[in-house]
């Protein structure tokens, strides 16, 4: 991504963010020296909640964006993903060991994109757990959008709250282009297509359309705040001017419930450190139970694979255990090994050359003397075919065909087993012509 593309993304997007904070972000992006940057390969941020006893604290800090873009990491921007906030709150709401949730907010807001989904997740969590918002020093615009979805909002006296509103910027560079002797023609399929191209004039029609989008997003913002605060949108609209207030004034306007230090608010929201002894004795240790279940599951997996390949291929079994394979995955992975062994045996018999070594363990079952492999019900289909090929000196494919004709029931059982093992094995079966 070029520097121009980064700044264009910042300038042209719809923002629920305090203006000074956005300007600072743009200036930081404009100062980037892309030639000196090696993009980090770290994984996307996934916000998890902090557990304080049975209180879940979800930190909502810095610029809020639906996804953290690469350039934000390059400039070291403090960015929180709104999608991660939504997941963290939902996880805390579903956690049986959590009795309350606190949003610890210190944010100037950010992108409108993703904001409503995060707000909905926070409001939905109130159906199962008490949800509170604690402002550290700033809950502006998108930061307040999310905070407003809690049942209560507390803030210290010097915190700033509000900035309800949405804005974007349309830069008309046509005059500068004209001074430089550049004429930009936008060939478009509709009057709004290509609007805002650098050097092209910004028309009144374009401004009106952009204003309509901003107004619509602002209405969603106001509606969500009204829902979270339990009032009608008409009560919020007079305060949706983009202005911020100190906590005491915000409390008078109904935007904050209580003015108190952050530490006092969190202490009040945190449950007692120790539950009564009777409750501790009756309540099972969920983490310990999960750990025991995981150990038992792992033991069962190892035993199943070990038993299945006992006497066949121990080194293969150990490799599958180390790879974390299930029994079914290990069986499927073993099929090509078994098929190759059978094909090698058949080829050796066709060439009437002595086999260099006895068939590996797990190969075809020896046929009792005087029996016809094609009619034997004691053998599996592939084992019977391999035995018949060895007995008559024919190819494996020919032996399979004869077994299928003489023992259709065995053939049908083999086809059903192949079908049950999935499309990958079925493809191998078709490749062998069976």
Protein backbone atom coordinates (compact mmCIF):
# COMPACT_ATOMS: atom_id res chain seq x y z
CA UNK A 1 0.00 0.00 0.00
CA UNK A 2 1.32 3.45 -0.92
CA UNK A 3 1.47 6.43 1.42
CA UNK A 4 -1.12 8.23 -0.70
CA UNK A 5 -3.46 5.24 -0.42
CA UNK A 6 -3.07 5.14 3.36
CA UNK A 7 -3.88 8.83 3.83
CA UNK A 8 -6.74 8.61 1.31
CA UNK A 9 -8.26 5.73 3.31
CA UNK A 10 -8.03 7.79 6.47
CA UNK A 11 -9.45 10.97 4.98
CA UNK A 12 -12.30 9.54 2.91
CA UNK A 13 -13.77 7.04 5.38
CA UNK A 14 -16.78 7.66 7.64
CA UNK A 15 -15.58 8.34 11.18
CA UNK A 16 -17.20 8.38 14.58
CA UNK A 17 -14.05 9.87 16.06
CA UNK A 18 -12.89 12.99 17.84
CA UNK A 19 -11.42 15.30 15.17
CA UNK A 20 -8.08 16.06 16.85
CA UNK A 21 -7.38 12.36 17.31
CA UNK A 22 -8.11 11.66 13.64
CA UNK A 23 -5.86 14.53 12.54
CA UNK A 24 -3.05 13.12 14.70
CA UNK A 25 -3.53 9.70 13.10
CA UNK A 26 -3.37 11.20 9.59
CA UNK A 27 -0.20 13.14 10.46
CA UNK A 28 1.44 9.98 11.81
CA UNK A 29 0.56 8.12 8.60
CA UNK A 30 1.87 10.97 6.42
CA UNK A 31 5.24 10.86 8.22
CA UNK A 32 5.81 7.20 7.33
CA UNK A 33 8.94 6.26 5.37
CA UNK A 34 7.68 3.15 3.56
CA UNK A 35 11.14 2.38 2.15
CA UNK A 36 12.36 1.57 5.66
CA UNK A 37 9.44 -0.59 6.73
CA UNK A 38 9.47 -4.38 6.86
CA UNK A 39 5.84 -5.43 7.31
CA UNK A 40 5.45 -7.59 10.43
CA UNK A 41 3.93 -11.03 10.00
CA UNK A 42 2.14 -11.13 13.32
CA UNK A 43 -1.35 -12.63 13.56
CA UNK A 44 -4.49 -10.44 13.65
CA UNK A 45 -5.39 -9.04 17.06
CA UNK A 46 -7.89 -11.04 19.05
CA UNK A 47 -8.99 -9.17 22.15
CA UNK A 48 -9.68 -11.33 25.19
CA UNK A 49 -11.13 -10.17 28.47
CA UNK A 50 -9.15 -9.75 31.68
CA UNK A 51 -10.43 -11.87 34.53
CA UNK A 52 -10.54 -10.19 37.95
CA UNK A 53 -12.15 -12.76 40.17
CA UNK A 54 -15.52 -13.26 38.52
CA UNK A 55 -15.45 -9.80 36.88
CA UNK A 56 -14.51 -9.71 33.17
CA UNK A 57 -12.76 -6.48 32.16
CA UNK A 58 -12.78 -5.73 28.41
CA UNK A 59 -10.33 -2.98 27.45
CA UNK A 60 -11.53 -0.58 24.73
CA UNK A 61 -8.49 1.59 24.04
CA UNK A 62 -7.24 3.87 21.29
CA UNK A 63 -8.61 4.12 17.77
CA UNK A 64 -11.46 1.71 17.06
CA UNK A 65 -11.41 -0.11 13.73
CA UNK A 66 -13.22 -3.20 12.49
CA UNK A 67 -9.89 -4.75 11.50
CA UNK A 68 -6.39 -3.47 12.27
CA UNK A 69 -4.79 -2.46 8.92
CA UNK A 70 -1.11 -3.17 8.30
CA UNK A 71 -0.21 0.52 8.16
CA UNK A 72 -1.55 1.03 11.69
CA UNK A 73 1.03 -1.47 12.95
CA UNK A 74 3.78 0.30 10.97
CA UNK A 75 3.14 3.61 12.75
CA UNK A 76 2.65 1.91 16.12
CA UNK A 77 -0.93 3.16 16.43
CA UNK A 78 -2.93 2.08 19.47
CA UNK A 79 -5.84 0.35 17.71
CA UNK A 80 -8.58 -1.90 19.10
CA UNK A 81 -10.65 -4.06 16.77
CA UNK A 82 -14.40 -3.58 17.28
CA UNK A 83 -14.91 -7.15 16.07
CA UNK A 84 -12.59 -8.35 18.84
CA UNK A 85 -14.48 -6.28 21.43
CA UNK A 86 -17.69 -8.00 20.30
CA UNK A 87 -16.10 -11.46 20.63
CA UNK A 88 -14.57 -10.71 24.04
CA UNK A 89 -17.89 -9.48 25.45
CA UNK A 90 -19.76 -12.47 24.00
CA UNK A 91 -17.15 -14.87 25.43
CA UNK A 92 -17.43 -13.25 28.86
CA UNK A 93 -21.23 -13.43 28.71
CA UNK A 94 -21.04 -17.16 27.94
CA UNK A 95 -18.44 -17.91 30.64
CA UNK A 96 -20.04 -19.60 33.65
CA UNK A 97 -17.27 -18.27 35.91
CA UNK A 98 -18.04 -14.62 35.07
CA UNK A 99 -20.75 -12.79 37.01
CA UNK A 100 -20.32 -9.24 35.60
CA UNK A 101 -18.63 -7.44 32.70
CA UNK A 102 -16.86 -4.06 32.77
CA UNK A 103 -15.88 -2.12 29.65
CA UNK A 104 -12.81 -0.08 30.54
CA UNK A 105 -12.94 2.68 27.90
CA UNK A 106 -10.25 5.16 26.89
CA UNK A 107 -10.91 5.92 23.23
CA UNK A 108 -11.51 8.85 20.87
CA UNK A 109 -13.63 6.58 18.64
CA UNK A 110 -12.82 5.42 15.14
CA UNK A 111 -14.34 3.91 12.02
CA UNK A 112 -18.11 3.66 11.79
CA UNK A 113 -17.67 0.29 10.05
CA UNK A 114 -18.13 -2.49 12.62
CA UNK A 115 -19.31 -0.12 15.36
CA UNK A 116 -22.96 -1.16 15.30
CA UNK A 117 -22.14 -4.88 15.46
CA UNK A 118 -19.95 -4.36 18.52
CA UNK A 119 -22.63 -2.18 20.15
CA UNK A 120 -25.24 -4.89 19.52
CA UNK A 121 -23.00 -7.55 21.11
CA UNK A 122 -22.50 -5.42 24.23
CA UNK A 123 -26.22 -4.68 24.57
CA UNK A 124 -27.08 -8.38 24.02
CA UNK A 125 -24.70 -9.41 26.83
CA UNK A 126 -26.90 -7.48 29.29
CA UNK A 127 -29.49 -10.25 28.97
CA UNK A 128 -27.17 -12.70 30.77
CA UNK A 129 -24.73 -10.59 32.84
CA UNK A 130 -24.60 -7.08 34.32
CA UNK A 131 -22.54 -4.91 31.95
CA UNK A 132 -20.95 -1.64 33.10
CA UNK A 133 -18.73 0.95 31.37
CA UNK A 134 -15.87 2.65 33.18
CA UNK A 135 -14.35 5.65 31.38
CA UNK A 136 -10.66 6.25 32.08
CA UNK A 137 -10.04 9.66 30.48
CA UNK A 138 -11.95 9.72 27.18
CA UNK A 139 -15.08 8.14 25.73
CA UNK A 140 -15.64 10.17 22.59
CA UNK A 141 -17.67 9.41 19.49
CA UNK A 142 -17.28 5.67 18.75
CA UNK A 143 -15.81 5.18 22.22
CA UNK A 144 -19.02 6.58 23.72
CA UNK A 145 -21.08 4.63 21.15
CA UNK A 146 -19.82 1.39 22.74
CA UNK A 147 -19.84 2.66 26.33
CA UNK A 148 -23.47 3.74 26.00
CA UNK A 149 -24.56 0.11 25.51
CA UNK A 150 -23.68 -0.77 29.10
CA UNK A 151 -26.26 -0.62 31.89
CA UNK A 152 -24.28 2.10 33.65
CA UNK A 153 -21.45 4.51 32.82
CA UNK A 154 -19.03 5.93 35.38
CA UNK A 155 -16.21 8.41 34.70
CA UNK A 156 -13.69 10.36 36.78
CA UNK A 157 -14.21 14.12 37.08
CA UNK A 158 -11.52 15.00 34.51
CA UNK A 159 -12.75 12.56 31.85
CA UNK A 160 -14.25 13.82 28.58
CA UNK A 161 -17.42 12.21 27.26
CA UNK A 162 -19.62 12.67 24.20
CA UNK A 163 -18.73 13.74 20.63
CA UNK A 164 -21.85 12.01 19.33
CA UNK A 165 -21.80 12.29 15.56
CA UNK A 166 -20.32 11.11 12.25
CA UNK A 167 -18.24 12.88 9.63
CA UNK A 168 -16.19 12.38 6.49
CA UNK A 169 -14.09 14.66 4.31
CA UNK A 170 -14.48 15.35 0.58
CA UNK A 171 -11.35 17.03 -0.80
CA UNK A 172 -11.90 19.10 -3.97
CA UNK A 173 -8.52 19.28 -5.73
CA UNK A 174 -9.90 20.56 -9.03
CA UNK A 175 -8.64 24.15 -8.52
CA UNK A 176 -5.11 22.96 -7.83
CA UNK A 177 -5.23 20.65 -10.84
CA UNK A 178 -6.41 23.53 -13.01
CA UNK A 179 -3.53 25.72 -11.80
CA UNK A 180 -1.13 22.97 -12.73
CA UNK A 181 -2.71 22.64 -16.18
CA UNK A 182 -4.35 19.32 -15.45
CA UNK A 183 -7.89 18.55 -16.58
CA UNK A 184 -9.41 15.41 -15.05
CA UNK A 185 -12.27 13.75 -16.93
CA UNK A 186 -14.25 11.08 -15.08
CA UNK A 187 -16.02 8.73 -17.50
CA UNK A 188 -18.86 7.33 -15.50
CA UNK A 189 -21.90 5.09 -15.84
CA UNK A 190 -23.92 7.15 -13.37
CA UNK A 191 -23.82 10.65 -11.86
CA UNK A 192 -22.26 9.44 -8.60
CA UNK A 193 -19.77 6.94 -10.01
CA UNK A 194 -16.18 8.13 -9.62
CA UNK A 195 -17.20 11.08 -7.47
CA UNK A 196 -14.29 12.46 -5.48
CA UNK A 197 -11.56 11.41 -7.91
CA UNK A 198 -8.47 13.60 -7.27
CA UNK A 199 -8.52 16.62 -9.58
CA UNK A 200 -12.20 16.27 -10.47
CA UNK A 201 -14.62 18.88 -9.09
CA UNK A 202 -16.85 17.95 -6.15
CA UNK A 203 -20.38 18.69 -7.31
CA UNK A 204 -23.31 19.77 -5.18
CA UNK A 205 -24.99 16.49 -6.12
CA UNK A 206 -22.02 14.56 -4.73
CA UNK A 207 -21.99 16.59 -1.52
CA UNK A 208 -25.73 16.01 -1.04
CA UNK A 209 -25.32 12.25 -1.50
CA UNK A 210 -22.41 12.14 0.94
CA UNK A 211 -24.38 14.21 3.45
CA UNK A 212 -27.25 11.73 3.17
CA UNK A 213 -24.91 8.83 4.04
CA UNK A 214 -23.41 10.70 7.00
CA UNK A 215 -26.89 11.64 8.27
CA UNK A 216 -28.02 8.01 8.02
CA UNK A 217 -25.01 6.76 9.97
CA UNK A 218 -25.52 9.49 12.59
CA UNK A 219 -29.13 8.34 13.05
CA UNK A 220 -27.90 4.79 13.71
CA UNK A 221 -25.45 6.22 16.27
CA UNK A 222 -28.19 8.21 18.05
CA UNK A 223 -30.59 5.24 17.98
CA UNK A 224 -28.01 2.94 19.57
CA UNK A 225 -27.16 5.48 22.29
CA UNK A 226 -30.88 5.94 23.02
CA UNK A 227 -31.34 2.17 23.25
CA UNK A 228 -28.38 1.78 25.58
CA UNK A 229 -29.42 4.69 27.82
CA UNK A 230 -33.06 3.60 27.86
CA UNK A 231 -34.45 6.86 26.46
CA UNK A 232 -36.01 8.00 23.19
CA UNK A 233 -33.78 9.26 20.34
CA UNK A 234 -35.34 12.71 20.83
CA UNK A 235 -33.59 12.90 24.22
CA UNK A 236 -30.19 12.22 22.61
CA UNK A 237 -30.47 14.31 19.41
CA UNK A 238 -29.90 17.69 21.15
CA UNK A 239 -26.54 16.39 22.38
CA UNK A 240 -25.51 14.84 19.03
CA UNK A 241 -23.54 17.90 17.95
CA UNK A 242 -20.04 16.40 18.07
CA UNK A 243 -19.21 18.21 21.31
CA UNK A 244 -17.52 16.61 24.32
CA UNK A 245 -18.27 17.42 27.98
CA UNK A 246 -16.47 16.86 31.24
CA UNK A 247 -17.92 14.02 33.29
CA UNK A 248 -20.00 16.18 35.70
CA UNK A 249 -21.66 18.08 32.84
CA UNK A 250 -22.20 14.84 30.93
CA UNK A 251 -23.91 13.44 34.03
CA UNK A 252 -26.34 16.37 34.07
CA UNK A 253 -27.17 15.66 30.41
CA UNK A 254 -27.88 12.00 31.18
CA UNK A 255 -24.84 10.70 29.28
CA UNK A 256 -23.07 9.44 32.42
CA UNK A 257 -24.55 7.86 35.56
CA UNK A 258 -21.85 8.42 38.16
CA UNK A 259 -18.67 10.48 38.59
CA UNK A 260 -16.01 8.55 40.50
CA UNK A 261 -12.38 7.38 40.08
CA UNK A 262 -11.74 4.35 37.91
CA UNK A 263 -10.32 2.27 40.77
CA UNK A 264 -13.37 2.94 42.93
CA UNK A 265 -15.73 2.01 40.11
CA UNK A 266 -13.98 -1.28 39.35
CA UNK A 267 -13.77 -2.18 43.05
CA UNK A 268 -17.48 -1.57 43.42
CA UNK A 269 -18.26 -3.73 40.38
CA UNK A 270 -15.94 -6.60 41.33
CA UNK A 271 -17.67 -9.35 43.34
CA UNK A 272 -16.35 -10.46 46.71
CA UNK A 273 -12.95 -12.10 46.43
CA UNK A 274 -13.97 -15.35 48.13
CA UNK A 275 -17.26 -17.16 47.90
CA UNK A 276 -18.75 -18.76 51.02
CA UNK A 277 -17.13 -22.07 51.98
CA UNK A 278 -20.29 -24.10 51.27
CA UNK A 279 -20.50 -22.61 47.79
CA UNK A 280 -16.83 -23.39 47.14
CA UNK A 281 -17.34 -27.00 48.22
CA UNK A 282 -20.44 -27.48 46.09
CA UNK A 283 -19.14 -25.75 42.95
CA UNK A 284 -16.83 -27.99 40.83
CA UNK A 285 -13.55 -26.59 39.56
CA UNK A 286 -14.48 -26.05 35.91
CA UNK A 287 -10.89 -25.58 34.71
CA UNK A 288 -9.75 -28.78 36.44
CA UNK A 289 -12.69 -30.73 35.01
CA UNK A 290 -11.88 -29.50 31.50
CA UNK A 291 -8.22 -30.43 31.93
CA UNK A 292 -9.13 -33.95 33.10
CA UNK A 293 -11.53 -34.39 30.18
CA UNK A 294 -8.85 -33.28 27.73
CA UNK A 295 -6.34 -35.77 29.20
CA UNK A 296 -8.84 -38.63 29.00
CA UNK A 297 -9.70 -37.74 25.41
CA UNK A 298 -6.01 -37.73 24.47
CA UNK A 299 -5.45 -41.10 26.14
CA UNK A 300 -8.39 -42.57 24.22
CA UNK A 301 -7.04 -41.22 20.93
CA UNK A 302 -3.55 -42.65 21.50
CA UNK A 303 -4.94 -46.06 22.55
CA UNK A 304 -7.27 -46.27 19.55
CA UNK A 305 -4.46 -45.59 17.05
CA UNK A 306 -2.02 -47.90 18.88
CA UNK A 307 -4.57 -50.77 18.93
CA UNK A 308 -5.50 -50.28 15.26
CA UNK A 309 -1.92 -50.47 13.98
CA UNK A 310 -0.55 -53.01 16.49
CA UNK A 311 1.45 -55.54 14.46
CA UNK A 312 1.06 -53.49 11.26
CA UNK A 313 3.28 -50.42 11.32
CA UNK A 314 4.24 -49.06 14.73
CA UNK A 315 6.40 -46.22 13.37
CA UNK A 316 3.45 -45.02 11.26
CA UNK A 317 1.18 -45.13 14.33
CA UNK A 318 3.63 -43.07 16.39
CA UNK A 319 3.90 -40.48 13.61
CA UNK A 320 0.11 -40.17 13.42
CA UNK A 321 -0.15 -39.76 17.20
CA UNK A 322 2.50 -37.04 17.16
CA UNK A 323 0.65 -35.24 14.32
CA UNK A 324 -2.56 -35.14 16.39
CA UNK A 325 -4.52 -37.30 13.93
CA UNK A 326 -7.80 -38.94 14.88
CA UNK A 327 -8.22 -42.68 14.34
CA UNK A 328 -10.22 -42.10 11.15
CA UNK A 329 -7.59 -39.69 9.80
CA UNK A 330 -4.84 -42.22 10.54
CA UNK A 331 -6.76 -45.00 8.75
CA UNK A 332 -7.23 -42.79 5.72
CA UNK A 333 -3.53 -41.84 5.68
CA UNK A 334 -2.56 -45.54 5.84
CA UNK A 335 -4.58 -46.52 2.74
CA UNK A 336 -1.99 -45.44 0.14
CA UNK A 337 0.72 -47.34 2.04
CA UNK A 338 -1.38 -50.51 2.07
CA UNK A 339 -2.37 -50.10 -1.58
CA UNK A 340 1.29 -49.69 -2.62
CA UNK A 341 2.28 -52.82 -0.75
CA UNK A 342 -0.46 -54.84 -2.47
CA UNK A 343 0.45 -53.42 -5.88
CA UNK A 344 4.15 -54.27 -5.33
CA UNK A 345 3.22 -57.86 -4.45
CA UNK A 346 1.03 -58.18 -7.54
CA UNK A 347 3.75 -56.77 -9.79
CA UNK A 348 6.33 -59.19 -8.39
CA UNK A 349 4.00 -62.14 -9.07
CA UNK A 350 3.23 -60.94 -12.62
CA UNK A 351 6.94 -60.85 -13.43
CA UNK A 352 7.29 -64.30 -11.81
CA UNK A 353 10.14 -62.97 -9.80
CA UNK A 354 10.71 -64.15 -6.24
CA UNK A 355 9.58 -61.73 -3.64
CA UNK A 356 12.65 -60.33 -1.86
CA UNK A 357 11.08 -60.47 1.56
CA UNK A 358 7.85 -61.70 3.15
CA UNK A 359 4.81 -59.46 2.95
CA UNK A 360 4.96 -56.69 5.58
CA UNK A 361 2.77 -57.00 8.61
CA UNK A 362 -0.66 -55.67 7.82
CA UNK A 363 -0.56 -57.13 4.26
CA UNK A 364 -2.84 -59.80 2.76
CA UNK A 365 -4.05 -62.57 5.10
CA UNK A 366 -2.61 -66.02 4.11
CA UNK A 367 -5.16 -68.33 2.47
CA UNK A 368 -5.82 -71.74 4.04
CA UNK A 369 -4.74 -74.60 1.80
CA UNK A 370 -7.32 -75.92 -0.66
CA UNK A 371 -9.42 -72.78 -0.53
CA UNK A 372 -10.46 -70.44 -3.36
CA UNK A 373 -9.54 -66.83 -2.45
CA UNK A 374 -12.33 -65.48 -4.63
CA UNK A 375 -14.97 -67.35 -2.61
CA UNK A 376 -13.44 -66.99 0.86
CA UNK A 377 -15.62 -65.04 3.30
CA UNK A 378 -12.89 -65.11 5.94
CA UNK A 379 -10.81 -62.63 3.95
CA UNK A 380 -11.45 -58.98 3.26
CA UNK A 381 -11.98 -57.96 -0.39
CA UNK A 382 -8.45 -56.55 -0.91
CA UNK A 383 -6.87 -59.44 1.03
CA UNK A 384 -8.78 -61.99 -1.08
CA UNK A 385 -7.73 -60.25 -4.30
CA UNK A 386 -4.06 -60.20 -3.26
CA UNK A 387 -4.20 -63.88 -2.27
CA UNK A 388 -5.87 -64.82 -5.58
CA UNK A 389 -3.27 -62.83 -7.55
CA UNK A 390 -0.51 -64.69 -5.72
CA UNK A 391 -2.25 -68.07 -6.14
CA UNK A 392 -2.91 -67.77 -9.89
CA UNK A 393 -0.09 -65.46 -10.91
CA UNK A 394 -2.43 -62.81 -12.35
CA UNK A 395 -2.51 -59.02 -11.96
CA UNK A 396 -4.10 -57.47 -8.88
CA UNK A 397 -6.75 -55.71 -10.97
CA UNK A 398 -7.71 -58.98 -12.68
CA UNK A 399 -7.84 -60.72 -9.32
CA UNK A 400 -10.11 -57.95 -7.97
CA UNK A 401 -12.49 -58.41 -10.90
CA UNK A 402 -12.67 -62.18 -10.32
CA UNK A 403 -13.28 -61.78 -6.57
CA UNK A 404 -16.06 -59.29 -7.32
CA UNK A 405 -17.74 -61.76 -9.69
CA UNK A 406 -17.46 -64.79 -7.42
CA UNK A 407 -18.22 -63.04 -4.17
CA UNK A 408 -20.47 -60.02 -4.91
CA UNK A 409 -21.44 -59.71 -1.25
CA UNK A 410 -17.80 -59.19 -0.25
CA UNK A 411 -17.40 -56.65 -3.08
CA UNK A 412 -20.49 -54.71 -1.99
CA UNK A 413 -19.22 -54.63 1.60
CA UNK A 414 -15.87 -53.27 0.34
CA UNK A 415 -17.63 -50.56 -1.70
CA UNK A 416 -19.75 -49.56 1.29
CA UNK A 417 -16.63 -49.32 3.46
CA UNK A 418 -14.92 -47.13 0.84
CA UNK A 419 -17.95 -44.84 0.63
CA UNK A 420 -18.02 -44.48 4.40
CA UNK A 421 -14.37 -43.39 4.43
CA UNK A 422 -15.10 -40.32 2.36
CA UNK A 423 -14.44 -38.82 -1.07
CA UNK A 424 -10.62 -38.99 -0.83
CA UNK A 425 -10.63 -42.79 -0.44
CA UNK A 426 -13.43 -43.10 -3.00
CA UNK A 427 -11.21 -41.30 -5.50
CA UNK A 428 -8.43 -43.81 -4.88
CA UNK A 429 -10.93 -46.67 -5.41
CA UNK A 430 -11.97 -45.23 -8.79
CA UNK A 431 -8.30 -44.82 -9.77
CA UNK A 432 -7.79 -48.57 -9.20
CA UNK A 433 -10.83 -49.30 -11.38
CA UNK A 434 -12.89 -50.88 -8.65
